[in-house]
Amino acid sequence: MAVEKTYEFDGPKGKASLLDLFEGRRQLIVYRAFFEPGVFGWPDHACRGCSFGADQVSHLAHLNARDTTLVYASRAPQADIERVKARMGWEVRRVTRKRSRTSGGTGTTTTTPRPRRTRSGSRCPTLEKPPSETATQTYLRRPAVRNSQ
């Protein structure tokens, strides 16, 4: 698929383009991680669901052997990303995603942060208020087994 839009990122080694994120491999997986101002726990914690997912990533050699690069992209500054990444023991490359838009047909781009929200108004589906204890118990309850005699 041809990508005509210019994407800009900041990484641990400085500025990076979308092509740079491939790291010479044929395939790229970019996971949009919610770690930014406004996310529950900021700046000490990333989104709970995103963090849980990051904890499940095994050794990247398995993806790399299949000519695939995995990158997590968020809006957090690199200093915050590196601090949380070190504390959590995450090895996946993480970049700061910049939002670019073309201005006035001149072909120039400006970087403008724009909050992204779900339908309910939160920044991430996992940031909704936790379910009540009753709802959690109902969800975890096994269905009743009926006797078919």
N, C-alpha and C. Protein backbone atom coordinates (compact mmCIF):
# COMPACT_ATOMS: atom_id res chain seq x y z
N MET A 1 0.84 -1.16 0.00
CA MET A 1 0.00 0.00 0.00
C MET A 1 0.90 1.24 0.00
N ALA A 2 0.61 2.15 -0.86
CA ALA A 2 1.38 3.39 -0.95
C ALA A 2 0.94 4.33 0.17
N VAL A 3 1.90 4.93 0.86
CA VAL A 3 1.63 5.91 1.91
C VAL A 3 2.13 7.24 1.40
N GLU A 4 1.20 8.16 1.20
CA GLU A 4 1.57 9.46 0.65
C GLU A 4 1.74 10.52 1.73
N LYS A 5 1.16 10.30 2.90
CA LYS A 5 1.24 11.25 4.00
C LYS A 5 2.60 11.11 4.69
N THR A 6 3.12 12.23 5.18
CA THR A 6 4.38 12.21 5.92
C THR A 6 4.09 12.02 7.41
N TYR A 7 4.70 11.01 7.99
CA TYR A 7 4.56 10.75 9.43
C TYR A 7 5.89 11.05 10.09
N GLU A 8 5.82 11.72 11.24
CA GLU A 8 7.03 12.07 11.98
C GLU A 8 6.97 11.46 13.38
N PHE A 9 8.12 10.99 13.83
CA PHE A 9 8.23 10.38 15.15
C PHE A 9 9.51 10.86 15.81
N ASP A 10 9.54 10.85 17.13
CA ASP A 10 10.78 11.02 17.89
C ASP A 10 11.05 9.69 18.55
N GLY A 11 12.27 9.22 18.41
CA GLY A 11 12.64 7.95 19.02
C GLY A 11 13.81 8.14 19.97
N PRO A 12 14.28 7.06 20.54
CA PRO A 12 15.42 7.14 21.46
C PRO A 12 16.67 7.71 20.80
N LYS A 13 16.75 7.58 19.47
CA LYS A 13 17.93 8.08 18.75
C LYS A 13 17.62 9.36 17.97
N GLY A 14 16.50 10.02 18.27
CA GLY A 14 16.15 11.26 17.58
C GLY A 14 14.98 11.09 16.63
N LYS A 15 14.89 11.99 15.66
CA LYS A 15 13.76 11.98 14.71
C LYS A 15 13.79 10.74 13.83
N ALA A 16 12.58 10.30 13.48
CA ALA A 16 12.44 9.11 12.63
C ALA A 16 11.22 9.29 11.73
N SER A 17 11.31 8.74 10.54
CA SER A 17 10.18 8.74 9.61
C SER A 17 9.48 7.38 9.72
N LEU A 18 8.37 7.26 9.03
CA LEU A 18 7.68 5.97 9.01
C LEU A 18 8.58 4.89 8.41
N LEU A 19 9.28 5.22 7.37
CA LEU A 19 10.20 4.26 6.74
C LEU A 19 11.29 3.82 7.71
N ASP A 20 11.79 4.76 8.54
CA ASP A 20 12.82 4.41 9.53
C ASP A 20 12.32 3.37 10.52
N LEU A 21 11.03 3.40 10.84
CA LEU A 21 10.49 2.47 11.82
C LEU A 21 10.57 1.02 11.35
N PHE A 22 10.59 0.80 10.04
CA PHE A 22 10.68 -0.57 9.51
C PHE A 22 12.02 -1.22 9.87
N GLU A 23 13.05 -0.44 10.12
CA GLU A 23 14.39 -0.94 10.44
C GLU A 23 14.89 -1.95 9.40
N GLY A 24 14.57 -1.68 8.12
CA GLY A 24 15.04 -2.54 7.04
C GLY A 24 14.24 -3.81 6.82
N ARG A 25 13.18 -4.00 7.60
CA ARG A 25 12.36 -5.21 7.44
C ARG A 25 11.21 -4.94 6.49
N ARG A 26 10.56 -6.00 6.06
CA ARG A 26 9.48 -5.91 5.06
C ARG A 26 8.15 -5.49 5.68
N GLN A 27 7.91 -5.86 6.95
CA GLN A 27 6.62 -5.59 7.59
C GLN A 27 6.80 -4.78 8.86
N LEU A 28 5.79 -3.99 9.18
CA LEU A 28 5.83 -3.14 10.38
C LEU A 28 4.49 -3.24 11.11
N ILE A 29 4.56 -3.44 12.42
CA ILE A 29 3.38 -3.37 13.28
C ILE A 29 3.58 -2.16 14.19
N VAL A 30 2.67 -1.20 14.10
CA VAL A 30 2.72 -0.03 14.99
C VAL A 30 1.54 -0.14 15.92
N TYR A 31 1.83 -0.26 17.21
CA TYR A 31 0.79 -0.34 18.23
C TYR A 31 0.61 1.04 18.82
N ARG A 32 -0.60 1.58 18.76
CA ARG A 32 -0.89 2.90 19.31
C ARG A 32 -1.09 2.76 20.80
N ALA A 33 -0.07 3.09 21.59
CA ALA A 33 -0.12 2.96 23.04
C ALA A 33 -0.60 4.28 23.65
N PHE A 34 -1.53 4.21 24.55
CA PHE A 34 -2.04 5.40 25.21
C PHE A 34 -1.19 5.71 26.43
N PHE A 35 -0.22 6.56 26.23
CA PHE A 35 0.65 7.06 27.30
C PHE A 35 0.89 8.52 26.99
N GLU A 36 0.12 9.39 27.66
CA GLU A 36 0.14 10.81 27.36
C GLU A 36 -0.64 11.55 28.44
N PRO A 37 -0.51 12.86 28.49
CA PRO A 37 -1.32 13.62 29.46
C PRO A 37 -2.80 13.34 29.25
N GLY A 38 -3.52 13.17 30.36
CA GLY A 38 -4.95 12.89 30.29
C GLY A 38 -5.28 11.42 30.47
N VAL A 39 -4.29 10.55 30.35
CA VAL A 39 -4.50 9.12 30.56
C VAL A 39 -4.36 8.83 32.05
N PHE A 40 -5.25 8.00 32.58
CA PHE A 40 -5.22 7.66 34.00
C PHE A 40 -3.82 7.21 34.42
N GLY A 41 -3.28 7.82 35.47
CA GLY A 41 -1.97 7.45 35.99
C GLY A 41 -0.80 8.23 35.42
N TRP A 42 -1.07 9.09 34.42
CA TRP A 42 -0.01 9.90 33.81
C TRP A 42 0.66 10.75 34.87
N PRO A 43 1.93 10.94 34.89
CA PRO A 43 2.97 10.45 33.99
C PRO A 43 3.68 9.19 34.48
N ASP A 44 3.18 8.62 35.58
CA ASP A 44 3.85 7.46 36.15
C ASP A 44 3.46 6.14 35.50
N HIS A 45 2.28 6.12 34.87
CA HIS A 45 1.78 4.87 34.30
C HIS A 45 1.17 5.12 32.93
N ALA A 46 1.26 4.13 32.08
CA ALA A 46 0.58 4.16 30.79
C ALA A 46 -0.80 3.54 30.97
N CYS A 47 -1.59 3.53 29.94
CA CYS A 47 -2.91 2.91 29.96
C CYS A 47 -2.77 1.47 30.48
N ARG A 48 -3.70 1.06 31.32
CA ARG A 48 -3.64 -0.29 31.91
C ARG A 48 -3.68 -1.38 30.84
N GLY A 49 -4.58 -1.24 29.88
CA GLY A 49 -4.70 -2.25 28.83
C GLY A 49 -3.47 -2.30 27.95
N CYS A 50 -2.95 -1.12 27.61
CA CYS A 50 -1.75 -1.06 26.77
C CYS A 50 -0.55 -1.66 27.52
N SER A 51 -0.48 -1.39 28.82
CA SER A 51 0.61 -1.93 29.64
C SER A 51 0.51 -3.45 29.74
N PHE A 52 -0.71 -3.93 29.93
CA PHE A 52 -0.92 -5.38 29.99
C PHE A 52 -0.47 -6.02 28.68
N GLY A 53 -0.85 -5.42 27.57
CA GLY A 53 -0.45 -5.94 26.26
C GLY A 53 1.06 -5.94 26.09
N ALA A 54 1.71 -4.86 26.53
CA ALA A 54 3.17 -4.77 26.42
C ALA A 54 3.86 -5.84 27.26
N ASP A 55 3.26 -6.17 28.40
CA ASP A 55 3.83 -7.21 29.26
C ASP A 55 3.78 -8.59 28.60
N GLN A 56 2.91 -8.78 27.62
CA GLN A 56 2.75 -10.08 26.98
C GLN A 56 3.66 -10.29 25.78
N VAL A 57 4.38 -9.25 25.36
CA VAL A 57 5.26 -9.37 24.19
C VAL A 57 6.48 -10.19 24.59
N SER A 58 6.70 -11.30 23.89
CA SER A 58 7.87 -12.13 24.18
C SER A 58 9.07 -11.60 23.41
N HIS A 59 10.09 -12.39 23.31
CA HIS A 59 11.34 -11.95 22.67
C HIS A 59 11.07 -11.52 21.23
N LEU A 60 11.55 -10.36 20.86
CA LEU A 60 11.28 -9.80 19.54
C LEU A 60 11.96 -10.57 18.40
N ALA A 61 12.88 -11.45 18.73
CA ALA A 61 13.55 -12.25 17.69
C ALA A 61 12.54 -13.07 16.89
N HIS A 62 11.43 -13.44 17.52
CA HIS A 62 10.42 -14.24 16.82
C HIS A 62 9.77 -13.43 15.70
N LEU A 63 9.45 -12.17 15.97
CA LEU A 63 8.89 -11.31 14.92
C LEU A 63 9.95 -10.93 13.90
N ASN A 64 11.13 -10.58 14.39
CA ASN A 64 12.20 -10.16 13.49
C ASN A 64 12.59 -11.28 12.52
N ALA A 65 12.52 -12.51 12.96
CA ALA A 65 12.85 -13.65 12.09
C ALA A 65 11.83 -13.78 10.96
N ARG A 66 10.68 -13.20 11.15
CA ARG A 66 9.64 -13.20 10.12
C ARG A 66 9.58 -11.87 9.38
N ASP A 67 10.71 -11.16 9.41
CA ASP A 67 10.89 -9.90 8.67
C ASP A 67 9.87 -8.84 9.10
N THR A 68 9.59 -8.81 10.42
CA THR A 68 8.59 -7.90 10.98
C THR A 68 9.18 -7.12 12.14
N THR A 69 8.88 -5.83 12.18
CA THR A 69 9.30 -4.95 13.28
C THR A 69 8.06 -4.52 14.06
N LEU A 70 8.14 -4.54 15.38
CA LEU A 70 7.07 -4.07 16.25
C LEU A 70 7.52 -2.78 16.92
N VAL A 71 6.68 -1.76 16.86
CA VAL A 71 6.97 -0.46 17.48
C VAL A 71 5.72 0.00 18.22
N TYR A 72 5.91 0.54 19.41
CA TYR A 72 4.82 1.17 20.15
C TYR A 72 4.93 2.67 19.94
N ALA A 73 3.82 3.32 19.60
CA ALA A 73 3.80 4.76 19.37
C ALA A 73 2.80 5.41 20.32
N SER A 74 3.24 6.47 20.98
CA SER A 74 2.36 7.22 21.88
C SER A 74 2.69 8.70 21.75
N ARG A 75 2.00 9.53 22.50
CA ARG A 75 2.25 10.96 22.48
C ARG A 75 3.19 11.42 23.59
N ALA A 76 3.60 10.53 24.45
CA ALA A 76 4.47 10.91 25.58
C ALA A 76 5.85 11.32 25.09
N PRO A 77 6.46 12.28 25.77
CA PRO A 77 7.85 12.64 25.44
C PRO A 77 8.79 11.46 25.71
N GLN A 78 9.88 11.41 24.98
CA GLN A 78 10.83 10.29 25.09
C GLN A 78 11.35 10.11 26.51
N ALA A 79 11.58 11.19 27.25
CA ALA A 79 12.08 11.06 28.62
C ALA A 79 11.11 10.25 29.49
N ASP A 80 9.81 10.53 29.35
CA ASP A 80 8.81 9.78 30.12
C ASP A 80 8.71 8.34 29.64
N ILE A 81 8.77 8.15 28.33
CA ILE A 81 8.72 6.79 27.77
C ILE A 81 9.89 5.96 28.30
N GLU A 82 11.09 6.50 28.22
CA GLU A 82 12.27 5.74 28.66
C GLU A 82 12.22 5.42 30.15
N ARG A 83 11.70 6.35 30.96
CA ARG A 83 11.60 6.12 32.41
C ARG A 83 10.66 4.96 32.71
N VAL A 84 9.46 4.97 32.11
CA VAL A 84 8.48 3.91 32.37
C VAL A 84 8.94 2.60 31.73
N LYS A 85 9.52 2.67 30.56
CA LYS A 85 10.02 1.48 29.87
C LYS A 85 11.08 0.78 30.71
N ALA A 86 12.00 1.53 31.29
CA ALA A 86 13.05 0.94 32.15
C ALA A 86 12.44 0.32 33.40
N ARG A 87 11.48 1.02 34.02
CA ARG A 87 10.87 0.50 35.25
C ARG A 87 10.09 -0.78 34.98
N MET A 88 9.42 -0.85 33.83
CA MET A 88 8.59 -2.01 33.51
C MET A 88 9.37 -3.14 32.85
N GLY A 89 10.59 -2.87 32.39
CA GLY A 89 11.40 -3.91 31.75
C GLY A 89 10.98 -4.20 30.31
N TRP A 90 10.33 -3.23 29.66
CA TRP A 90 9.89 -3.43 28.29
C TRP A 90 11.04 -3.25 27.32
N GLU A 91 11.10 -4.08 26.29
CA GLU A 91 12.18 -4.03 25.32
C GLU A 91 11.73 -3.51 23.95
N VAL A 92 10.43 -3.46 23.72
CA VAL A 92 9.91 -3.01 22.43
C VAL A 92 10.28 -1.54 22.22
N ARG A 93 10.70 -1.23 21.00
CA ARG A 93 11.03 0.16 20.66
C ARG A 93 9.77 1.01 20.79
N ARG A 94 9.92 2.18 21.41
CA ARG A 94 8.79 3.10 21.61
C ARG A 94 9.16 4.45 21.04
N VAL A 95 8.21 5.01 20.31
CA VAL A 95 8.44 6.32 19.68
C VAL A 95 7.33 7.27 20.08
N THR A 96 7.64 8.55 19.98
CA THR A 96 6.66 9.60 20.22
C THR A 96 6.06 9.97 18.88
N ARG A 97 4.78 9.83 18.78
CA ARG A 97 4.08 10.12 17.54
C ARG A 97 3.71 11.59 17.49
N LYS A 98 4.03 12.23 16.38
CA LYS A 98 3.65 13.63 16.18
C LYS A 98 2.53 13.67 15.17
N ARG A 99 1.55 14.51 15.41
CA ARG A 99 0.47 14.66 14.44
C ARG A 99 0.85 15.78 13.49
N SER A 100 0.84 15.47 12.21
CA SER A 100 1.17 16.45 11.19
C SER A 100 -0.05 16.73 10.35
N ARG A 101 -0.17 17.95 9.90
CA ARG A 101 -1.24 18.29 8.97
C ARG A 101 -0.69 19.27 7.96
N THR A 102 -1.20 19.19 6.76
CA THR A 102 -0.76 20.10 5.72
C THR A 102 -1.43 21.44 5.96
N SER A 103 -0.68 22.52 5.83
CA SER A 103 -1.25 23.83 6.09
C SER A 103 -1.45 24.61 4.80
N GLY A 104 -2.69 24.97 4.55
CA GLY A 104 -3.04 25.90 3.49
C GLY A 104 -2.59 25.56 2.09
N GLY A 105 -2.41 24.29 1.76
CA GLY A 105 -2.05 23.92 0.41
C GLY A 105 -0.63 24.27 0.01
N THR A 106 0.20 24.69 0.97
CA THR A 106 1.57 25.07 0.63
C THR A 106 2.50 23.88 0.62
N GLY A 107 1.99 22.73 1.11
CA GLY A 107 2.84 21.55 1.16
C GLY A 107 3.70 21.49 2.41
N THR A 108 3.64 22.52 3.26
CA THR A 108 4.41 22.48 4.50
C THR A 108 3.58 21.77 5.55
N THR A 109 4.24 21.21 6.54
CA THR A 109 3.51 20.53 7.60
C THR A 109 3.81 21.20 8.93
N THR A 110 2.82 21.18 9.80
CA THR A 110 3.01 21.68 11.15
C THR A 110 2.63 20.55 12.09
N THR A 111 3.26 20.51 13.23
CA THR A 111 2.97 19.48 14.20
C THR A 111 2.01 20.05 15.23
N THR A 112 0.84 19.47 15.32
CA THR A 112 -0.19 19.97 16.22
C THR A 112 -0.75 18.81 17.02
N PRO A 113 -0.53 18.78 18.34
CA PRO A 113 -1.14 17.72 19.12
C PRO A 113 -2.66 17.88 19.15
N ARG A 114 -3.35 16.80 18.95
CA ARG A 114 -4.81 16.82 18.97
C ARG A 114 -5.27 15.61 19.76
N PRO A 115 -5.99 15.84 20.87
CA PRO A 115 -6.42 14.69 21.67
C PRO A 115 -7.37 13.81 20.89
N ARG A 116 -7.21 12.53 21.05
CA ARG A 116 -8.08 11.56 20.39
C ARG A 116 -8.92 10.90 21.46
N ARG A 117 -10.21 10.88 21.25
CA ARG A 117 -11.08 10.33 22.27
C ARG A 117 -11.99 9.24 21.69
N THR A 118 -12.45 8.36 22.58
CA THR A 118 -13.41 7.34 22.19
C THR A 118 -14.80 7.95 22.21
N ARG A 119 -15.82 7.21 21.80
CA ARG A 119 -17.18 7.72 21.80
C ARG A 119 -17.63 8.19 23.17
N SER A 120 -17.17 7.52 24.21
CA SER A 120 -17.60 7.88 25.57
C SER A 120 -16.83 9.08 26.11
N GLY A 121 -15.83 9.55 25.37
CA GLY A 121 -15.10 10.73 25.81
C GLY A 121 -13.76 10.44 26.45
N SER A 122 -13.46 9.16 26.76
CA SER A 122 -12.16 8.86 27.35
C SER A 122 -11.13 8.72 26.23
N ARG A 123 -9.88 8.69 26.60
CA ARG A 123 -8.82 8.58 25.60
C ARG A 123 -8.57 7.13 25.20
N CYS A 124 -9.01 6.19 25.97
CA CYS A 124 -8.74 4.79 25.68
C CYS A 124 -9.89 3.95 26.23
N PRO A 125 -10.33 2.94 25.52
CA PRO A 125 -11.44 2.13 26.02
C PRO A 125 -11.17 1.51 27.38
N THR A 126 -9.94 1.26 27.73
CA THR A 126 -9.65 0.64 29.02
C THR A 126 -9.66 1.64 30.15
N LEU A 127 -9.88 2.92 29.84
CA LEU A 127 -9.87 3.94 30.88
C LEU A 127 -11.25 4.23 31.44
N GLU A 128 -12.24 3.52 30.97
CA GLU A 128 -13.58 3.72 31.49
C GLU A 128 -13.57 3.43 32.99
N LYS A 129 -14.56 3.94 33.69
CA LYS A 129 -14.65 3.66 35.12
C LYS A 129 -14.71 2.16 35.32
N PRO A 130 -14.02 1.64 36.34
CA PRO A 130 -14.06 0.19 36.56
C PRO A 130 -15.49 -0.24 36.85
N PRO A 131 -15.86 -1.45 36.42
CA PRO A 131 -17.23 -1.92 36.67
C PRO A 131 -17.46 -2.08 38.16
N SER A 132 -18.70 -2.01 38.55
CA SER A 132 -19.02 -2.19 39.96
C SER A 132 -18.67 -3.62 40.37
N GLU A 133 -18.57 -3.83 41.68
CA GLU A 133 -18.22 -5.16 42.17
C GLU A 133 -19.26 -6.19 41.71
N THR A 134 -20.53 -5.80 41.70
CA THR A 134 -21.59 -6.70 41.27
C THR A 134 -21.40 -7.09 39.81
N ALA A 135 -21.10 -6.11 38.97
CA ALA A 135 -20.91 -6.41 37.55
C ALA A 135 -19.73 -7.35 37.35
N THR A 136 -18.66 -7.14 38.11
CA THR A 136 -17.49 -8.00 37.99
C THR A 136 -17.84 -9.42 38.43
N GLN A 137 -18.56 -9.54 39.54
CA GLN A 137 -18.94 -10.86 40.01
C GLN A 137 -19.85 -11.56 39.01
N THR A 138 -20.77 -10.81 38.42
CA THR A 138 -21.67 -11.40 37.42
C THR A 138 -20.88 -11.87 36.22
N TYR A 139 -19.94 -11.08 35.80
CA TYR A 139 -19.13 -11.43 34.64
C TYR A 139 -18.32 -12.70 34.89
N LEU A 140 -17.82 -12.87 36.09
CA LEU A 140 -16.97 -14.00 36.40
C LEU A 140 -17.75 -15.25 36.79
N ARG A 141 -19.03 -15.13 37.04
CA ARG A 141 -19.84 -16.26 37.49
C ARG A 141 -20.04 -17.26 36.35
N ARG A 142 -19.92 -18.52 36.66
CA ARG A 142 -20.17 -19.57 35.67
C ARG A 142 -21.66 -19.67 35.39
N PRO A 143 -22.03 -19.98 34.15
CA PRO A 143 -23.46 -20.16 33.86
C PRO A 143 -23.98 -21.41 34.58
N ALA A 144 -25.23 -21.33 34.98
CA ALA A 144 -25.84 -22.48 35.66
C ALA A 144 -26.00 -23.64 34.68
N VAL A 145 -25.76 -24.84 35.16
CA VAL A 145 -25.90 -26.05 34.33
C VAL A 145 -27.30 -26.58 34.55
N ARG A 146 -28.04 -26.77 33.48
CA ARG A 146 -29.41 -27.28 33.60
C ARG A 146 -29.41 -28.79 33.39
N ASN A 147 -30.24 -29.43 34.15
CA ASN A 147 -30.47 -30.86 33.98
C ASN A 147 -31.48 -31.04 32.87
N SER A 148 -31.19 -31.85 31.90
CA SER A 148 -32.10 -32.04 30.76
C SER A 148 -32.85 -33.36 30.89
N GLN A 149 -33.42 -33.63 32.06
CA GLN A 149 -34.15 -34.89 32.27
C GLN A 149 -35.60 -34.75 31.96
